């Protein structure tokens, strides 16, 4: 096994909650960790460039890296009622967005992939405006765009910002597939070998279990990196995006990921590590 590995995940509460045990040293890792926190689309881009040994990526973006990476079964974001939301400054029909500018939190995000599927079904084409996730709602509020796809804390706070929901993209996915929505997953470099991948998977599971057993322990770390500092919003974020699928994707989770990867152009079967 390597002595040191590079690990990347986002500053969002679900990730900092899951990884606090490893970042703090409360849970042992299979190697010394060099940790980078970055926006999900930045992580997607850096993973595509092979910058990390272990990295959190959007499931949609995983389609482009699976020749070099394999997904772990633990540490991801997946569940029901947890998807991105399309919002606007005032009530409107989804079809009315045809030809208009819509903000997205990165082209390789799962949110954008599902939004694109919705547009295809509705027979509309929009003018995509790519931006960092926390820039989406301000762009909607200012009228820079007609609507925006919000993720992370935005799912819980858009109404407070005076916006309305046009479409719940996660609910759309669940209705059309009957599967949980697979938002993010942890990818590990294949060249590190199966033994390391399994050890890293177990270390992440233990880090999550450690956080669940002592919720106050990671709180300062979570708040240090969160975009939204309201305690209730942070807690709702964690409760929504850290689920039992984060401990192990299970059969339904594997099916959901493979379905989404198929929509993103991946046709292989070797997606997850074997335990």
Protein backbone atom coordinates (compact mmCIF):
# COMPACT_ATOMS: atom_id res chain seq x y z
CA UNK A 1 0.00 0.00 0.00
CA UNK A 2 1.12 3.61 -0.56
CA UNK A 3 2.47 5.64 2.34
CA UNK A 4 0.61 8.82 1.36
CA UNK A 5 -2.50 9.40 -0.72
CA UNK A 6 -4.28 12.49 -2.00
CA UNK A 7 -7.93 12.79 -1.01
CA UNK A 8 -10.43 15.33 -2.31
CA UNK A 9 -13.95 16.07 -1.16
CA UNK A 10 -16.26 19.07 -0.99
CA UNK A 11 -16.73 21.55 1.89
CA UNK A 12 -20.45 20.70 2.01
CA UNK A 13 -21.79 19.47 5.35
CA UNK A 14 -22.48 15.93 4.18
CA UNK A 15 -18.86 15.46 3.11
CA UNK A 16 -17.26 17.16 6.09
CA UNK A 17 -19.54 15.12 8.36
CA UNK A 18 -18.51 11.85 6.70
CA UNK A 19 -14.79 12.61 6.46
CA UNK A 20 -14.20 14.40 9.77
CA UNK A 21 -13.10 11.21 11.51
CA UNK A 22 -10.39 10.66 8.90
CA UNK A 23 -9.41 14.33 8.67
CA UNK A 24 -9.07 14.63 12.44
CA UNK A 25 -7.20 11.37 12.88
CA UNK A 26 -9.95 9.93 15.08
CA UNK A 27 -10.30 7.14 12.51
CA UNK A 28 -7.27 5.45 11.00
CA UNK A 29 -6.72 5.62 7.25
CA UNK A 30 -4.79 3.03 5.25
CA UNK A 31 -2.20 5.73 4.42
CA UNK A 32 -1.31 9.28 5.40
CA UNK A 33 -3.82 11.69 3.87
CA UNK A 34 -3.17 14.88 1.91
CA UNK A 35 -6.64 16.44 1.89
CA UNK A 36 -8.06 19.03 -0.50
CA UNK A 37 -11.53 20.56 -0.16
CA UNK A 38 -13.03 22.03 -3.33
CA UNK A 39 -16.31 22.71 -5.10
CA UNK A 40 -17.86 19.61 -6.65
CA UNK A 41 -17.28 20.77 -10.24
CA UNK A 42 -13.65 21.56 -9.41
CA UNK A 43 -13.30 18.05 -8.01
CA UNK A 44 -14.87 16.63 -11.17
CA UNK A 45 -12.34 18.49 -13.31
CA UNK A 46 -9.37 17.51 -11.14
CA UNK A 47 -10.50 13.89 -11.12
CA UNK A 48 -10.65 13.95 -14.91
CA UNK A 49 -7.02 15.11 -14.86
CA UNK A 50 -6.07 12.29 -12.46
CA UNK A 51 -5.13 14.71 -9.67
CA UNK A 52 -6.37 12.57 -6.76
CA UNK A 53 -5.91 9.05 -5.48
CA UNK A 54 -9.32 9.15 -3.80
CA UNK A 55 -11.94 11.76 -4.71
CA UNK A 56 -15.61 12.64 -4.33
CA UNK A 57 -17.17 13.14 -7.75
CA UNK A 58 -20.59 13.66 -9.23
CA UNK A 59 -21.91 10.31 -10.43
CA UNK A 60 -22.48 11.86 -13.85
CA UNK A 61 -18.79 12.86 -14.00
CA UNK A 62 -17.70 9.36 -12.99
CA UNK A 63 -18.64 8.20 -16.49
CA UNK A 64 -15.53 9.95 -17.80
CA UNK A 65 -13.01 8.52 -15.31
CA UNK A 66 -13.95 4.87 -14.81
CA UNK A 67 -11.13 3.61 -16.99
CA UNK A 68 -8.74 4.87 -14.32
CA UNK A 69 -10.94 4.86 -11.20
CA UNK A 70 -13.39 2.52 -9.52
CA UNK A 71 -16.16 3.59 -7.18
CA UNK A 72 -16.24 2.78 -3.49
CA UNK A 73 -19.46 1.53 -1.94
CA UNK A 74 -19.28 3.96 0.98
CA UNK A 75 -19.11 7.73 1.35
CA UNK A 76 -21.42 8.82 -1.43
CA UNK A 77 -24.57 10.94 -1.53
CA UNK A 78 -27.69 9.07 -2.60
CA UNK A 79 -31.27 8.75 -1.53
CA UNK A 80 -34.90 9.65 -2.03
CA UNK A 81 -36.11 13.23 -1.71
CA UNK A 82 -32.54 14.46 -2.03
CA UNK A 83 -32.27 15.74 -5.57
CA UNK A 84 -31.49 19.13 -7.09
CA UNK A 85 -34.26 21.67 -7.63
CA UNK A 86 -34.94 24.01 -10.54
CA UNK A 87 -35.97 27.43 -9.21
CA UNK A 88 -37.04 30.77 -10.66
CA UNK A 89 -37.77 34.26 -9.38
CA UNK A 90 -41.47 33.84 -10.09
CA UNK A 91 -43.84 31.01 -10.93
CA UNK A 92 -43.48 29.68 -14.46
CA UNK A 93 -44.04 26.55 -16.49
CA UNK A 94 -41.02 24.40 -17.24
CA UNK A 95 -41.76 24.58 -20.99
CA UNK A 96 -41.65 28.38 -20.87
CA UNK A 97 -37.88 28.19 -20.27
CA UNK A 98 -37.31 27.09 -23.87
CA UNK A 99 -34.52 29.22 -25.33
CA UNK A 100 -33.88 31.11 -22.09
CA UNK A 101 -30.70 31.27 -19.95
CA UNK A 102 -30.63 28.77 -17.07
CA UNK A 103 -27.84 28.58 -14.50
CA UNK A 104 -26.30 25.19 -13.72
CA UNK A 105 -23.73 24.23 -11.06
CA UNK A 106 -21.29 22.71 -13.57
CA UNK A 107 -21.74 20.75 -16.79
CA UNK A 108 -20.47 17.47 -15.35
CA UNK A 109 -22.68 17.48 -12.28
CA UNK A 110 -25.43 14.93 -11.78
CA UNK A 111 -27.80 17.88 -11.39
CA UNK A 112 -27.06 19.09 -14.91
CA UNK A 113 -27.37 15.60 -16.38
CA UNK A 114 -30.83 15.09 -14.88
CA UNK A 115 -31.88 18.61 -15.88
CA UNK A 116 -30.83 17.76 -19.43
CA UNK A 117 -32.93 14.59 -19.35
CA UNK A 118 -35.93 16.64 -18.23
CA UNK A 119 -35.36 19.13 -21.06
CA UNK A 120 -35.12 16.30 -23.57
CA UNK A 121 -38.39 14.79 -22.38
CA UNK A 122 -40.11 18.20 -22.53
CA UNK A 123 -38.66 18.92 -25.97
CA UNK A 124 -37.03 22.19 -24.98
CA UNK A 125 -33.52 23.61 -25.28
CA UNK A 126 -32.16 26.20 -22.88
CA UNK A 127 -29.09 28.41 -22.85
CA UNK A 128 -26.93 26.87 -20.14
CA UNK A 129 -24.92 29.24 -17.96
CA UNK A 130 -22.28 27.34 -16.01
CA UNK A 131 -21.28 28.73 -12.62
CA UNK A 132 -20.19 27.72 -9.11
CA UNK A 133 -23.16 26.34 -7.17
CA UNK A 134 -23.36 29.24 -4.70
CA UNK A 135 -23.59 31.73 -7.59
CA UNK A 136 -26.76 30.16 -9.00
CA UNK A 137 -29.37 31.70 -6.70
CA UNK A 138 -27.88 35.22 -6.86
CA UNK A 139 -27.96 34.95 -10.66
CA UNK A 140 -31.64 34.00 -10.53
CA UNK A 141 -32.43 36.75 -8.02
CA UNK A 142 -30.72 39.42 -10.13
CA UNK A 143 -32.50 38.37 -13.32
CA UNK A 144 -29.24 37.36 -14.98
CA UNK A 145 -30.89 34.01 -15.76
CA UNK A 146 -34.51 32.92 -16.05
CA UNK A 147 -34.02 29.97 -13.71
CA UNK A 148 -31.32 27.98 -11.98
CA UNK A 149 -30.55 24.46 -10.82
CA UNK A 150 -29.73 24.57 -7.11
CA UNK A 151 -27.92 21.92 -5.10
CA UNK A 152 -26.48 21.50 -1.61
CA UNK A 153 -27.85 24.02 0.93
CA UNK A 154 -29.76 25.83 -1.81
CA UNK A 155 -32.32 23.06 -1.80
CA UNK A 156 -33.37 24.16 1.67
CA UNK A 157 -33.01 27.94 1.44
CA UNK A 158 -34.31 29.02 -1.98
CA UNK A 159 -37.73 30.03 -0.62
CA UNK A 160 -36.09 32.31 1.94
CA UNK A 161 -34.39 34.02 -1.00
CA UNK A 162 -37.77 34.78 -2.57
CA UNK A 163 -37.64 32.05 -5.20
CA UNK A 164 -40.15 29.42 -6.26
CA UNK A 165 -39.68 25.83 -7.32
CA UNK A 166 -40.27 25.11 -10.98
CA UNK A 167 -39.37 21.41 -10.88
CA UNK A 168 -37.96 18.98 -8.33
CA UNK A 169 -35.40 17.16 -10.48
CA UNK A 170 -34.87 14.43 -7.91
CA UNK A 171 -38.59 13.66 -7.77
CA UNK A 172 -38.62 13.53 -11.58
CA UNK A 173 -35.79 10.96 -11.51
CA UNK A 174 -37.51 8.86 -8.85
CA UNK A 175 -40.80 8.88 -10.76
CA UNK A 176 -39.17 7.82 -14.02
CA UNK A 177 -36.81 5.18 -12.63
CA UNK A 178 -38.16 4.09 -9.25
CA UNK A 179 -34.58 4.37 -7.99
CA UNK A 180 -32.84 6.60 -5.45
CA UNK A 181 -31.05 9.56 -6.96
CA UNK A 182 -27.27 8.99 -7.10
CA UNK A 183 -25.68 12.39 -6.63
CA UNK A 184 -22.08 11.75 -5.66
CA UNK A 185 -19.68 8.86 -5.14
CA UNK A 186 -16.13 8.25 -3.95
CA UNK A 187 -13.70 7.16 -6.65
CA UNK A 188 -10.34 5.48 -6.00
CA UNK A 189 -7.52 5.07 -8.47
CA UNK A 190 -7.55 1.52 -9.86
CA UNK A 191 -3.76 1.33 -9.91
CA UNK A 192 -3.71 1.38 -6.09
CA UNK A 193 -5.15 -2.12 -6.10
CA UNK A 194 -8.18 -3.91 -4.68
CA UNK A 195 -6.75 -4.34 -1.18
CA UNK A 196 -6.23 -0.60 -0.80
CA UNK A 197 -9.68 0.18 -2.23
CA UNK A 198 -11.36 -2.14 0.25
CA UNK A 199 -9.33 -0.68 3.13
CA UNK A 200 -10.23 2.85 2.11
CA UNK A 201 -13.89 1.90 1.79
CA UNK A 202 -13.89 0.52 5.34
CA UNK A 203 -12.05 3.58 6.67
CA UNK A 204 -14.73 5.87 5.21
CA UNK A 205 -17.48 3.68 6.69
CA UNK A 206 -15.83 3.90 10.09
CA UNK A 207 -15.44 7.67 9.75
CA UNK A 208 -19.17 7.99 9.05
CA UNK A 209 -20.09 5.70 11.93
CA UNK A 210 -17.80 7.72 14.21
CA UNK A 211 -19.61 10.94 13.23
CA UNK A 212 -23.00 9.36 13.82
CA UNK A 213 -21.89 8.21 17.25
CA UNK A 214 -20.63 11.65 18.27
CA UNK A 215 -22.47 14.30 16.25
CA UNK A 216 -20.96 17.16 18.25
CA UNK A 217 -17.44 16.01 17.43
CA UNK A 218 -17.36 17.10 13.77
CA UNK A 219 -19.61 20.17 14.27
CA UNK A 220 -16.87 22.83 14.35
CA UNK A 221 -15.23 21.31 11.27
CA UNK A 222 -18.57 21.26 9.44
CA UNK A 223 -19.41 24.87 10.29
CA UNK A 224 -15.90 26.03 9.36
CA UNK A 225 -16.49 24.98 5.76
CA UNK A 226 -20.26 25.33 5.29
CA UNK A 227 -21.69 27.97 2.95
CA UNK A 228 -24.85 28.23 5.04
CA UNK A 229 -24.18 28.76 8.76
CA UNK A 230 -27.69 28.22 10.09
CA UNK A 231 -27.48 25.18 12.35
CA UNK A 232 -30.91 23.88 11.36
CA UNK A 233 -30.06 24.07 7.65
CA UNK A 234 -26.74 22.30 8.20
CA UNK A 235 -28.44 19.54 10.15
CA UNK A 236 -31.14 19.14 7.49
CA UNK A 237 -28.44 19.00 4.84
CA UNK A 238 -26.68 16.15 6.64
CA UNK A 239 -29.90 14.29 7.36
CA UNK A 240 -30.90 14.54 3.68
CA UNK A 241 -27.64 13.64 1.97
CA UNK A 242 -26.03 11.26 4.46
CA UNK A 243 -28.17 8.13 4.33
CA UNK A 244 -27.73 4.40 4.76
CA UNK A 245 -26.64 4.43 1.10
CA UNK A 246 -23.63 6.42 2.34
CA UNK A 247 -22.59 3.38 4.39
CA UNK A 248 -23.13 0.99 1.50
CA UNK A 249 -24.85 1.62 -1.81
CA UNK A 250 -26.64 -1.74 -1.72
CA UNK A 251 -28.33 -3.39 -4.69
CA UNK A 252 -30.70 -0.48 -5.36
CA UNK A 253 -27.82 1.97 -5.19
CA UNK A 254 -25.72 -0.01 -7.66
CA UNK A 255 -28.69 -0.09 -10.02
CA UNK A 256 -29.24 3.65 -9.67
CA UNK A 257 -25.60 4.48 -10.37
CA UNK A 258 -25.43 2.20 -13.40
CA UNK A 259 -28.67 3.68 -14.75
CA UNK A 260 -27.34 7.23 -14.41
CA UNK A 261 -23.94 6.29 -15.84
CA UNK A 262 -25.74 4.82 -18.83
CA UNK A 263 -27.48 8.14 -19.37
CA UNK A 264 -24.04 9.79 -19.20
CA UNK A 265 -22.60 7.47 -21.86
CA UNK A 266 -20.89 4.77 -19.79
CA UNK A 267 -21.51 1.22 -21.03
CA UNK A 268 -19.20 -0.86 -18.82
CA UNK A 269 -20.03 -3.04 -15.84
CA UNK A 270 -16.91 -2.77 -13.64
CA UNK A 271 -18.11 0.21 -11.61
CA UNK A 272 -17.85 -0.65 -7.89
CA UNK A 273 -15.18 -2.40 -5.86
CA UNK A 274 -15.88 -5.97 -4.78
CA UNK A 275 -15.95 -6.46 -1.02
